[in-house]
C-alpha atoms as a PDB file:
ATOM      1  CA  MET A   1     -28.525 285.041 187.751  1.00  0.00           C
ATOM      2  CA  ARG A   2     -25.604 282.835 188.701  1.00  0.00           C
ATOM      3  CA  ALA A   3     -23.971 280.812 185.982  1.00  0.00           C
ATOM      4  CA  GLY A   4     -24.968 277.648 187.758  1.00  0.00           C
ATOM      5  CA  ALA A   5     -28.633 278.655 187.878  1.00  0.00           C
ATOM      6  CA  PHE A   6     -29.025 277.540 184.268  1.00  0.00           C
ATOM      7  CA  GLY A   7     -26.145 275.108 184.467  1.00  0.00           C
ATOM      8  CA  PHE A   8     -25.911 271.476 185.406  1.00  0.00           C
ATOM      9  CA  GLY A   9     -29.124 271.448 187.418  1.00  0.00           C
ATOM     10  CA  THR A  10     -31.159 272.629 184.454  1.00  0.00           C
ATOM     11  CA  PHE A  11     -29.551 270.107 182.113  1.00  0.00           C
ATOM     12  CA  ARG A  12     -30.223 267.357 184.650  1.00  0.00           C
ATOM     13  CA  ASN A  13     -33.879 268.369 184.644  1.00  0.00           C
ATOM     14  CA  MET A  14     -33.918 268.366 180.841  1.00  0.00           C
ATOM     15  CA  ARG A  15     -32.441 264.869 180.767  1.00  0.00           C
ATOM     16  CA  ARG A  16     -34.951 263.726 183.372  1.00  0.00           C
ATOM     17  CA  ASP A  17     -37.853 265.178 181.357  1.00  0.00           C
ATOM     18  CA  ALA A  18     -36.461 263.600 178.204  1.00  0.00           C
ATOM     19  CA  GLY A  19     -36.250 260.284 179.996  1.00  0.00           C
ATOM     20  CA  GLU A  20     -39.869 260.532 181.117  1.00  0.00           C
ATOM     21  CA  SER A  21     -41.110 261.329 177.624  1.00  0.00           C
ATOM     22  CA  GLY A  22     -38.340 259.550 175.761  1.00  0.00           C
ATOM     23  CA  GLY A  23     -40.324 256.354 175.426  1.00  0.00           C
ATOM     24  CA  ALA A  24     -43.041 257.905 173.269  1.00  0.00           C
ATOM     25  CA  ASN A  25     -40.739 260.323 171.456  1.00  0.00           C
ATOM     26  CA  GLY A  26     -38.127 257.634 170.922  1.00  0.00           C
ATOM     27  CA  THR A  27     -40.718 255.340 169.401  1.00  0.00           C
ATOM     28  CA  VAL A  28     -41.856 258.075 167.027  1.00  0.00           C
ATOM     29  CA  ILE A  29     -38.271 258.825 166.009  1.00  0.00           C
ATOM     30  CA  ARG A  30     -37.459 255.158 165.504  1.00  0.00           C
ATOM     31  CA  ARG A  31     -40.562 254.694 163.355  1.00  0.00           C
ATOM     32  CA  ARG A  32     -39.693 257.771 161.319  1.00  0.00           C
ATOM     33  CA  ASN A  33     -36.133 256.571 160.816  1.00  0.00           C
ATOM     34  CA  PHE A  34     -37.362 253.126 159.843  1.00  0.00           C
ATOM     35  CA  ARG A  35     -39.752 254.621 157.281  1.00  0.00           C
ATOM     36  CA  ASP A  36     -36.956 256.783 155.877  1.00  0.00           C
ATOM     37  CA  ARG A  37     -34.603 253.806 155.562  1.00  0.00           C
ATOM     38  CA  ALA A  38     -37.339 251.680 153.976  1.00  0.00           C
ATOM     39  CA  ARG A  39     -38.138 254.481 151.532  1.00  0.00           C
ATOM     40  CA  ARG A  40     -34.480 254.850 150.562  1.00  0.00           C
ATOM     41  CA  LEU A  41     -34.119 251.097 150.128  1.00  0.00           C
ATOM     42  CA  GLY A  42     -37.257 250.916 147.997  1.00  0.00           C
ATOM     43  CA  SER A  43     -36.057 253.800 145.835  1.00  0.00           C
ATOM     44  CA  ALA A  44     -32.677 252.109 145.349  1.00  0.00           C
ATOM     45  CA  LEU A  45     -34.314 248.831 144.307  1.00  0.00           C
ATOM     46  CA  VAL A  46     -36.462 250.631 141.735  1.00  0.00           C
ATOM     47  CA  LEU A  47     -33.854 253.044 140.382  1.00  0.00           C
ATOM     48  CA  THR A  48     -31.167 250.365 139.937  1.00  0.00           C
ATOM     49  CA  GLN A  49     -33.658 248.089 138.111  1.00  0.00           C
ATOM     50  CA  ILE A  50     -33.435 245.324 140.730  1.00  0.00           C
ATOM     51  CA  ALA A  51     -37.198 245.444 141.260  1.00  0.00           C
ATOM     52  CA  MET A  52     -37.855 245.154 137.525  1.00  0.00           C
ATOM     53  CA  ALA A  53     -35.538 242.148 137.319  1.00  0.00           C
ATOM     54  CA  ALA A  54     -37.280 240.484 140.256  1.00  0.00           C
ATOM     55  CA  SER A  55     -40.641 241.071 138.598  1.00  0.00           C
ATOM     56  CA  ALA A  56     -39.515 238.856 135.698  1.00  0.00           C
ATOM     57  CA  ALA A  57     -39.089 235.923 138.076  1.00  0.00           C
ATOM     58  CA  CYS A  58     -42.505 236.688 139.589  1.00  0.00           C
ATOM     59  CA  LEU A  59     -44.125 236.504 136.156  1.00  0.00           C
ATOM     60  CA  VAL A  60     -42.440 233.174 135.384  1.00  0.00           C
ATOM     61  CA  PHE A  61     -43.403 231.800 138.807  1.00  0.00           C
ATOM     62  CA  ALA A  62     -47.050 232.785 138.353  1.00  0.00           C
ATOM     63  CA  CYS A  63     -47.097 231.166 134.922  1.00  0.00           C
ATOM     64  CA  SER A  64     -45.561 227.940 136.231  1.00  0.00           C
ATOM     65  CA  ARG A  65     -48.207 227.705 138.942  1.00  0.00           C
ATOM     66  CA  VAL A  66     -51.112 228.466 136.607  1.00  0.00           C
ATOM     67  CA  LEU A  67     -49.869 225.859 134.132  1.00  0.00           C
ATOM     68  CA  ASP A  68     -48.981 223.492 136.991  1.00  0.00           C
ATOM     69  CA  ARG A  69     -45.513 222.998 135.516  1.00  0.00           C
ATOM     70  CA  PRO A  70     -42.745 223.486 138.123  1.00  0.00           C
ATOM     71  CA  LEU A  71     -39.380 224.834 137.036  1.00  0.00           C
ATOM     72  CA  SER A  72     -35.849 224.468 138.314  1.00  0.00           C
ATOM     73  CA  PRO A  73     -34.752 227.363 140.564  1.00  0.00           C
ATOM     74  CA  TRP A  74     -31.968 228.015 138.058  1.00  0.00           C
ATOM     75  CA  TRP A  75     -34.547 229.316 135.599  1.00  0.00           C
ATOM     76  CA  TYR A  76     -35.797 231.895 138.076  1.00  0.00           C
ATOM     77  CA  ALA A  77     -32.225 233.005 138.696  1.00  0.00           C
ATOM     78  CA  ALA A  78     -31.653 233.247 134.936  1.00  0.00           C
ATOM     79  CA  ALA A  79     -34.831 235.310 134.524  1.00  0.00           C
ATOM     80  CA  VAL A  80     -33.692 237.788 137.186  1.00  0.00           C
ATOM     81  CA  LEU A  81     -30.113 238.090 135.954  1.00  0.00           C
ATOM     82  CA  GLY A  82     -30.967 238.237 132.260  1.00  0.00           C
ATOM     83  CA  SER A  83     -33.651 240.886 132.762  1.00  0.00           C
ATOM     84  CA  TRP A  84     -31.375 242.883 135.035  1.00  0.00           C
ATOM     85  CA  CYS A  85     -28.612 242.921 132.438  1.00  0.00           C
ATOM     86  CA  VAL A  86     -30.957 244.229 129.739  1.00  0.00           C
ATOM     87  CA  TYR A  87     -32.550 246.921 131.894  1.00  0.00           C
ATOM     88  CA  LEU A  88     -29.227 248.066 133.322  1.00  0.00           C
ATOM     89  CA  ARG A  89     -27.879 248.605 129.825  1.00  0.00           C
ATOM     90  CA  ASP A  90     -31.144 250.250 128.780  1.00  0.00           C
ATOM     91  CA  SER A  91     -30.815 252.755 131.631  1.00  0.00           C
ATOM     92  CA  ALA A  92     -27.137 253.332 130.871  1.00  0.00           C
ATOM     93  CA  ALA A  93     -27.827 253.975 127.184  1.00  0.00           C
ATOM     94  CA  SER A  94     -30.657 256.412 127.969  1.00  0.00           C
ATOM     95  CA  CYS A  95     -29.130 258.328 130.883  1.00  0.00           C
ATOM     96  CA  ASP A  96     -27.861 261.152 128.682  1.00  0.00           C
ATOM     97  CA  ALA A  97     -30.903 261.097 126.421  1.00  0.00           C
ATOM     98  CA  GLU A  98     -34.617 260.735 127.219  1.00  0.00           C
ATOM     99  CA  ASP A  99     -34.099 259.457 130.788  1.00  0.00           C
ATOM    100  CA  ALA A 100     -32.314 262.686 131.679  1.00  0.00           C
ATOM    101  CA  ILE A 101     -35.696 264.399 131.275  1.00  0.00           C
ATOM    102  CA  SER A 102     -38.241 261.789 132.359  1.00  0.00           C
ATOM    103  CA  GLN A 103     -36.218 259.864 134.970  1.00  0.00           C
ATOM    104  CA  PRO A 104     -33.517 262.228 136.273  1.00  0.00           C
ATOM    105  CA  ARG A 105     -32.854 260.306 139.499  1.00  0.00           C
ATOM    106  CA  ARG A 106     -32.176 257.064 137.635  1.00  0.00           C
ATOM    107  CA  ALA A 107     -30.146 258.888 134.999  1.00  0.00           C
ATOM    108  CA  ALA A 108     -27.956 260.414 137.717  1.00  0.00           C
ATOM    109  CA  ILE A 109     -27.038 256.929 138.987  1.00  0.00           C
ATOM    110  CA  PHE A 110     -25.912 255.661 135.584  1.00  0.00           C
ATOM    111  CA  ARG A 111     -24.347 258.821 134.181  1.00  0.00           C
ATOM    112  CA  GLY A 112     -20.577 258.435 134.289  1.00  0.00           C
ATOM    113  CA  SER A 113     -20.713 255.231 136.351  1.00  0.00           C
ATOM    114  CA  ARG A 114     -18.814 252.365 134.789  1.00  0.00           C
ATOM    115  CA  PHE A 115     -19.901 250.148 137.685  1.00  0.00           C
ATOM    116  CA  TRP A 116     -23.639 250.421 136.899  1.00  0.00           C
ATOM    117  CA  SER A 117     -23.267 250.929 133.142  1.00  0.00           C
ATOM    118  CA  TRP A 118     -20.811 248.136 132.330  1.00  0.00           C
ATOM    119  CA  TRP A 119     -19.582 246.081 135.273  1.00  0.00           C
ATOM    120  CA  MET A 120     -22.956 245.078 136.721  1.00  0.00           C
ATOM    121  CA  PRO A 121     -24.557 244.314 133.316  1.00  0.00           C
ATOM    122  CA  GLY A 122     -21.510 242.210 132.424  1.00  0.00           C
ATOM    123  CA  ILE A 123     -21.509 240.316 135.703  1.00  0.00           C
ATOM    124  CA  SER A 124     -25.271 239.668 135.571  1.00  0.00           C
ATOM    125  CA  ALA A 125     -24.992 238.484 131.948  1.00  0.00           C
ATOM    126  CA  VAL A 126     -22.216 236.004 132.773  1.00  0.00           C
ATOM    127  CA  LEU A 127     -24.058 234.703 135.830  1.00  0.00           C
ATOM    128  CA  GLY A 128     -27.317 234.471 133.878  1.00  0.00           C
ATOM    129  CA  ILE A 129     -25.686 232.444 131.113  1.00  0.00           C
ATOM    130  CA  GLY A 130     -24.145 230.229 133.771  1.00  0.00           C
ATOM    131  CA  CYS A 131     -27.594 229.566 135.266  1.00  0.00           C
ATOM    132  CA  VAL A 132     -28.965 228.640 131.839  1.00  0.00           C
ATOM    133  CA  VAL A 133     -26.063 226.234 131.220  1.00  0.00           C
ATOM    134  CA  ILE A 134     -26.587 224.578 134.597  1.00  0.00           C
ATOM    135  CA  ALA A 135     -30.319 224.233 133.870  1.00  0.00           C
ATOM    136  CA  ARG A 136     -29.511 222.373 130.612  1.00  0.00           C
ATOM    137  CA  PRO A 137     -32.098 223.963 128.320  1.00  0.00           C
ATOM    138  CA  HIS A 138     -34.230 222.151 125.785  1.00  0.00           C
ATOM    139  CA  PRO A 139     -33.216 223.024 122.178  1.00  0.00           C
ATOM    140  CA  GLY A 140     -36.494 224.875 121.754  1.00  0.00           C
ATOM    141  CA  THR A 141     -35.753 226.894 124.875  1.00  0.00           C
ATOM    142  CA  ALA A 142     -32.310 227.783 123.539  1.00  0.00           C
ATOM    143  CA  ILE A 143     -33.918 229.156 120.364  1.00  0.00           C
ATOM    144  CA  LEU A 144     -36.523 231.064 122.396  1.00  0.00           C
ATOM    145  CA  LEU A 145     -33.916 232.577 124.687  1.00  0.00           C
ATOM    146  CA  GLY A 146     -31.776 233.465 121.704  1.00  0.00           C
ATOM    147  CA  LEU A 147     -34.648 235.428 120.158  1.00  0.00           C
ATOM    148  CA  VAL A 148     -35.570 237.155 123.416  1.00  0.00           C
ATOM    149  CA  GLY A 149     -31.911 237.871 124.187  1.00  0.00           C
ATOM    150  CA  THR A 150     -31.389 239.402 120.749  1.00  0.00           C
ATOM    151  CA  LEU A 151     -34.381 241.685 121.256  1.00  0.00           C
ATOM    152  CA  GLY A 152     -33.006 242.642 124.665  1.00  0.00           C
ATOM    153  CA  ILE A 153     -29.579 243.475 123.254  1.00  0.00           C
ATOM    154  CA  LEU A 154     -31.089 245.560 120.450  1.00  0.00           C
ATOM    155  CA  HIS A 155     -33.334 247.331 122.940  1.00  0.00           C
ATOM    156  CA  ALA A 156     -30.450 248.221 125.236  1.00  0.00           C
ATOM    157  CA  ALA A 157     -27.746 248.957 122.651  1.00  0.00           C
ATOM    158  CA  PRO A 158     -27.040 252.633 121.866  1.00  0.00           C
ATOM    159  CA  HIS A 159     -27.789 253.804 118.343  1.00  0.00           C
ATOM    160  CA  THR A 160     -24.508 255.103 116.920  1.00  0.00           C
ATOM    161  CA  GLY A 161     -25.742 256.581 113.696  1.00  0.00           C
ATOM    162  CA  GLY A 162     -26.124 260.332 113.368  1.00  0.00           C
ATOM    163  CA  GLY A 163     -25.117 261.064 116.923  1.00  0.00           C
ATOM    164  CA  THR A 164     -28.723 261.072 118.105  1.00  0.00           C
ATOM    165  CA  GLY A 165     -28.106 258.763 121.027  1.00  0.00           C
ATOM    166  CA  ARG A 166     -31.343 256.884 120.423  1.00  0.00           C
ATOM    167  CA  LEU A 167     -31.676 253.194 121.144  1.00  0.00           C
ATOM    168  CA  THR A 168     -31.654 250.851 118.171  1.00  0.00           C
ATOM    169  CA  THR A 169     -35.059 249.233 118.625  1.00  0.00           C
ATOM    170  CA  LYS A 170     -36.542 252.531 119.721  1.00  0.00           C
ATOM    171  CA  ARG A 171     -36.159 253.753 116.162  1.00  0.00           C
ATOM    172  CA  PHE A 172     -39.283 251.623 115.747  1.00  0.00           C
ATOM    173  CA  ALA A 173     -40.825 253.176 118.844  1.00  0.00           C
ATOM    174  CA  ALA A 174     -44.423 252.748 117.687  1.00  0.00           C
ATOM    175  CA  VAL A 175     -44.169 248.946 117.914  1.00  0.00           C
ATOM    176  CA  LYS A 176     -41.639 248.750 120.755  1.00  0.00           C
ATOM    177  CA  SER A 177     -44.267 248.341 123.465  1.00  0.00           C
ATOM    178  CA  ILE A 178     -46.038 245.571 121.545  1.00  0.00           C
ATOM    179  CA  VAL A 179     -42.818 243.659 120.851  1.00  0.00           C
ATOM    180  CA  VAL A 180     -41.629 243.932 124.470  1.00  0.00           C
ATOM    181  CA  SER A 181     -44.990 242.708 125.795  1.00  0.00           C
ATOM    182  CA  ILE A 182     -45.018 239.689 123.495  1.00  0.00           C
ATOM    183  CA  ALA A 183     -41.390 238.896 124.381  1.00  0.00           C
ATOM    184  CA  TRP A 184     -42.132 238.892 128.123  1.00  0.00           C
ATOM    185  CA  THR A 185     -45.160 236.636 127.668  1.00  0.00           C
ATOM    186  CA  GLY A 186     -43.462 234.323 125.189  1.00  0.00           C
ATOM    187  CA  ALA A 187     -40.466 233.836 127.452  1.00  0.00           C
ATOM    188  CA  ALA A 188     -42.605 233.037 130.517  1.00  0.00           C
ATOM    189  CA  VAL A 189     -45.022 230.646 128.798  1.00  0.00           C
ATOM    190  CA  GLY A 190     -42.322 229.064 126.648  1.00  0.00           C
ATOM    191  CA  LEU A 191     -40.090 228.331 129.645  1.00  0.00           C
ATOM    192  CA  CYS A 192     -42.925 226.711 131.571  1.00  0.00           C
ATOM    193  CA  LEU A 193     -44.003 224.527 128.662  1.00  0.00           C
ATOM    194  CA  LEU A 194     -40.534 223.456 127.549  1.00  0.00           C
ATOM    195  CA  GLU A 195     -38.552 223.213 130.765  1.00  0.00           C
ATOM    196  CA  SER A 196     -40.890 221.517 133.199  1.00  0.00           C
ATOM    197  CA  PRO A 197     -39.901 217.859 133.815  1.00  0.00           C
ATOM    198  CA  SER A 198     -43.435 216.607 133.122  1.00  0.00           C
ATOM    199  CA  PRO A 199     -44.553 215.951 129.510  1.00  0.00           C
ATOM    200  CA  ILE A 200     -46.472 218.656 127.705  1.00  0.00           C
ATOM    201  CA  GLU A 201     -50.205 217.983 127.850  1.00  0.00           C
ATOM    202  CA  ARG A 202     -53.082 219.653 126.044  1.00  0.00           C
ATOM    203  CA  ALA A 203     -54.419 221.150 129.288  1.00  0.00           C
ATOM    204  CA  ALA A 204     -51.116 222.930 129.906  1.00  0.00           C
ATOM    205  CA  VAL A 205     -51.035 224.318 126.356  1.00  0.00           C
ATOM    206  CA  VAL A 206     -54.600 225.630 126.654  1.00  0.00           C
ATOM    207  CA  ALA A 207     -53.848 227.133 130.056  1.00  0.00           C
ATOM    208  CA  GLY A 208     -50.724 228.742 128.575  1.00  0.00           C
ATOM    209  CA  ILE A 209     -52.759 230.322 125.779  1.00  0.00           C
ATOM    210  CA  TRP A 210     -55.249 231.787 128.251  1.00  0.00           C
ATOM    211  CA  PHE A 211     -52.407 233.024 130.459  1.00  0.00           C
ATOM    212  CA  ALA A 212     -50.891 234.762 127.444  1.00  0.00           C
ATOM    213  CA  LEU A 213     -54.249 236.319 126.540  1.00  0.00           C
ATOM    214  CA  LEU A 214     -54.519 237.616 130.105  1.00  0.00           C
ATOM    215  CA  VAL A 215     -50.978 238.884 130.640  1.00  0.00           C
ATOM    216  CA  THR A 216     -50.075 240.317 127.225  1.00  0.00           C
ATOM    217  CA  PRO A 217     -52.732 243.093 127.274  1.00  0.00           C
ATOM    218  CA  VAL A 218     -51.711 244.063 130.814  1.00  0.00           C
ATOM    219  CA  LEU A 219     -48.018 244.108 129.875  1.00  0.00           C
ATOM    220  CA  LEU A 220     -48.884 246.344 126.932  1.00  0.00           C
ATOM    221  CA  ALA A 221     -50.989 248.624 129.156  1.00  0.00           C
ATOM    222  CA  ASP A 222     -48.103 248.676 131.639  1.00  0.00           C
ATOM    223  CA  SER A 223     -45.696 249.722 128.867  1.00  0.00           C
ATOM    224  CA  LEU A 224     -48.098 252.374 127.542  1.00  0.00           C
ATOM    225  CA  LEU A 225     -48.346 254.036 130.946  1.00  0.00           C
ATOM    226  CA  LEU A 226     -44.561 254.132 131.196  1.00  0.00           C
ATOM    227  CA  ASP A 227     -44.414 255.614 127.698  1.00  0.00           C
ATOM    228  CA  LEU A 228     -46.972 258.208 128.797  1.00  0.00           C
ATOM    229  CA  ARG A 229     -44.645 259.114 131.663  1.00  0.00           C
ATOM    230  CA  ASP A 230     -41.794 259.482 129.133  1.00  0.00           C
ATOM    231  CA  ARG A 231     -43.919 261.205 126.485  1.00  0.00           C
ATOM    232  CA  ALA A 232     -42.339 264.671 126.664  1.00  0.00           C
ATOM    233  CA  ALA A 233     -38.808 263.254 126.722  1.00  0.00           C
ATOM    234  CA  ASP A 234     -39.468 260.819 123.875  1.00  0.00           C
ATOM    235  CA  ARG A 235     -40.965 263.577 121.755  1.00  0.00           C
ATOM    236  CA  ALA A 236     -37.949 265.797 122.450  1.00  0.00           C
ATOM    237  CA  PHE A 237     -35.622 263.037 121.192  1.00  0.00           C
ATOM    238  CA  GLY A 238     -37.752 262.168 118.168  1.00  0.00           C
ATOM    239  CA  LEU A 239     -39.081 258.844 119.477  1.00  0.00           C
ATOM    240  CA  HIS A 240     -42.594 258.472 118.107  1.00  0.00           C
ATOM    241  CA  THR A 241     -44.018 256.038 120.640  1.00  0.00           C
ATOM    242  CA  ILE A 242     -47.701 255.177 120.836  1.00  0.00           C
ATOM    243  CA  ALA A 243     -48.015 257.670 123.695  1.00  0.00           C
ATOM    244  CA  VAL A 244     -46.476 260.418 121.559  1.00  0.00           C
ATOM    245  CA  ARG A 245     -48.803 259.591 118.678  1.00  0.00           C
ATOM    246  CA  LEU A 246     -52.041 259.191 120.659  1.00  0.00           C
ATOM    247  CA  GLY A 247     -51.580 261.666 123.481  1.00  0.00           C
ATOM    248  CA  PRO A 248     -52.736 261.197 127.098  1.00  0.00           C
ATOM    249  CA  ARG A 249     -56.433 260.698 126.326  1.00  0.00           C
ATOM    250  CA  GLY A 250     -55.724 258.139 123.653  1.00  0.00           C
ATOM    251  CA  VAL A 251     -53.338 256.228 125.911  1.00  0.00           C
ATOM    252  CA  HIS A 252     -55.796 256.128 128.801  1.00  0.00           C
ATOM    253  CA  ALA A 253     -58.561 254.941 126.472  1.00  0.00           C
ATOM    254  CA  MET A 254     -56.321 252.175 125.135  1.00  0.00           C
ATOM    255  CA  VAL A 255     -55.275 251.147 128.656  1.00  0.00           C
ATOM    256  CA  GLY A 256     -58.952 250.860 129.605  1.00  0.00           C
ATOM    257  CA  LEU A 257     -59.650 248.641 126.594  1.00  0.00           C
ATOM    258  CA  LEU A 258     -56.632 246.445 127.354  1.00  0.00           C
ATOM    259  CA  LEU A 259     -57.669 245.985 130.975  1.00  0.00           C
ATOM    260  CA  ALA A 260     -61.179 245.097 129.802  1.00  0.00           C
ATOM    261  CA  ALA A 261     -59.661 242.498 127.456  1.00  0.00           C
ATOM    262  CA  ALA A 262     -57.680 241.053 130.376  1.00  0.00           C
ATOM    263  CA  ALA A 263     -60.836 240.864 132.485  1.00  0.00           C
ATOM    264  CA  ILE A 264     -62.652 239.010 129.686  1.00  0.00           C
ATOM    265  CA  ALA A 265     -59.732 236.599 129.328  1.00  0.00           C
ATOM    266  CA  THR A 266     -59.899 235.970 133.083  1.00  0.00           C
ATOM    267  CA  ILE A 267     -63.588 235.060 132.976  1.00  0.00           C
ATOM    268  CA  LEU A 268     -63.449 232.947 129.823  1.00  0.00           C
ATOM    269  CA  GLY A 269     -60.168 231.244 130.685  1.00  0.00           C
ATOM    270  CA  ALA A 270     -61.339 230.052 134.094  1.00  0.00           C
ATOM    271  CA  ALA A 271     -63.430 227.333 132.449  1.00  0.00           C
ATOM    272  CA  ASP A 272     -60.361 225.788 130.780  1.00  0.00           C
ATOM    273  CA  ALA A 273     -57.970 226.392 133.674  1.00  0.00           C
ATOM    274  CA  ILE A 274     -56.154 223.572 135.418  1.00  0.00           C
ATOM    275  CA  ASP A 275     -57.065 225.225 138.732  1.00  0.00           C
ATOM    276  CA  GLY A 276     -60.033 227.546 138.211  1.00  0.00           C
ATOM    277  CA  HIS A 277     -59.765 229.332 141.554  1.00  0.00           C
ATOM    278  CA  ARG A 278     -56.051 229.998 141.099  1.00  0.00           C
ATOM    279  CA  SER A 279     -56.636 231.264 137.584  1.00  0.00           C
ATOM    280  CA  LEU A 280     -59.318 233.674 138.809  1.00  0.00           C
ATOM    281  CA  ARG A 281     -57.046 234.951 141.586  1.00  0.00           C
ATOM    282  CA  VAL A 282     -54.305 235.627 139.058  1.00  0.00           C
ATOM    283  CA  GLY A 283     -56.714 237.396 136.736  1.00  0.00           C
ATOM    284  CA  VAL A 284     -58.080 239.626 139.475  1.00  0.00           C
ATOM    285  CA  ALA A 285     -54.595 240.434 140.807  1.00  0.00           C
ATOM    286  CA  THR A 286     -53.348 241.207 137.293  1.00  0.00           C
ATOM    287  CA  THR A 287     -56.246 243.421 136.255  1.00  0.00           C
ATOM    288  CA  LEU A 288     -56.796 245.276 139.512  1.00  0.00           C
ATOM    289  CA  GLY A 289     -53.058 245.493 140.143  1.00  0.00           C
ATOM    290  CA  LEU A 290     -52.647 247.771 137.133  1.00  0.00           C
ATOM    291  CA  ALA A 291     -56.105 249.354 137.298  1.00  0.00           C
ATOM    292  CA  VAL A 292     -55.270 250.981 140.652  1.00  0.00           C
ATOM    293  CA  PRO A 293     -52.254 252.990 139.404  1.00  0.00           C
ATOM    294  CA  TRP A 294     -54.170 253.741 136.218  1.00  0.00           C
ATOM    295  CA  PHE A 295     -56.999 255.329 138.214  1.00  0.00           C
ATOM    296  CA  GLY A 296     -54.479 257.098 140.438  1.00  0.00           C
ATOM    297  CA  TRP A 297     -52.299 258.266 137.572  1.00  0.00           C
ATOM    298  CA  ARG A 298     -52.583 261.961 138.416  1.00  0.00           C
ATOM    299  CA  VAL A 299     -51.133 261.274 141.853  1.00  0.00           C
ATOM    300  CA  ILE A 300     -48.397 258.734 141.164  1.00  0.00           C
ATOM    301  CA  ARG A 301     -47.027 260.445 138.061  1.00  0.00           C
ATOM    302  CA  ARG A 302     -45.638 263.239 140.232  1.00  0.00           C
ATOM    303  CA  ASP A 303     -42.926 260.998 141.654  1.00  0.00           C
ATOM    304  CA  GLU A 304     -40.408 259.085 139.553  1.00  0.00           C
ATOM    305  CA  VAL A 305     -40.028 256.129 141.914  1.00  0.00           C
ATOM    306  CA  ALA A 306     -43.716 255.905 142.827  1.00  0.00           C
ATOM    307  CA  THR A 307     -44.692 255.738 139.150  1.00  0.00           C
ATOM    308  CA  ALA A 308     -42.365 252.849 138.338  1.00  0.00           C
ATOM    309  CA  ALA A 309     -43.146 250.954 141.556  1.00  0.00           C
ATOM    310  CA  ALA A 310     -46.923 251.278 141.235  1.00  0.00           C
ATOM    311  CA  ILE A 311     -46.993 250.195 137.602  1.00  0.00           C
ATOM    312  CA  MET A 312     -44.861 247.078 138.146  1.00  0.00           C
ATOM    313  CA  ALA A 313     -46.622 246.098 141.391  1.00  0.00           C
ATOM    314  CA  TRP A 314     -49.116 243.805 139.633  1.00  0.00           C
ATOM    315  CA  ARG A 315     -46.288 241.423 138.693  1.00  0.00           C
ATOM    316  CA  PHE A 316     -45.519 240.843 142.359  1.00  0.00           C
ATOM    317  CA  LEU A 317     -49.214 240.571 143.209  1.00  0.00           C
ATOM    318  CA  ILE A 318     -49.770 237.696 140.796  1.00  0.00           C
ATOM    319  CA  ALA A 319     -46.854 235.812 142.375  1.00  0.00           C
ATOM    320  CA  LEU A 320     -48.628 236.147 145.723  1.00  0.00           C
ATOM    321  CA  ALA A 321     -51.975 235.193 144.166  1.00  0.00           C
ATOM    322  CA  VAL A 322     -50.733 231.730 143.136  1.00  0.00           C
ATOM    323  CA  LEU A 323     -49.379 230.759 146.547  1.00  0.00           C
END
């Protein structure tokens, strides 16, 4: 066979055939590339705690709509930046400890990186404080933020005693999940009550109480599932969380009870809600939003990013439910 027999003529035919089928194949390749890029972007948002920070603003926004008390955009920016600072430092402090076992991909980002461990937390803290100053907080809000900020600092600060590398508040790991859940709820409801330009009315206070009764159990269930994910790592580092103490069956039973409590709060609170339909939508989105990953736990727990994303998804759903 001559060299040219499988030379330019053959390659021209291959290009022609590729051109004829390139439309369909090109579309498939473009879709695959788009999915890959979207997956990488989603993983980056979760692993660098940006998604968790954004979920704080979603919780505050949902609360403001349920209570019908609008907030300045500066408060949403402060919620994102403040939460991001705390969770960045939390990840940095845990990257060589329990996260190295339970969240190796996140730990790899923070291990040895001054940018993610110190520069970004510092920048977000400064910007967050700047947003609070611009918003001109009520004295009560300043006290509330001081308490929540102190808890955040203690949660994210490394424990220096004994060389164990444990986090300061995690020495009290059995109550950590409860304290964190109450702090999230208290910050959201407190901001909406204190910082809205309209005067505080009884209806808003009652709606805030029902919102707290709905969200706090789900936040605690959310935290318990994350602790269940981290159970082996926490036990290895001597952190006696509720998940370590109760085991998987006990955690799942408690999550079921907490979701049932949230469902009851949804039904009972609708009667006292400022907008009953909106309140019901929030309750359904909150309860079902966490119930789905709870039922699918055996599937999502296999992937580090999928676990975190699925468990926090309800916070974004309730922001959509109040629109």
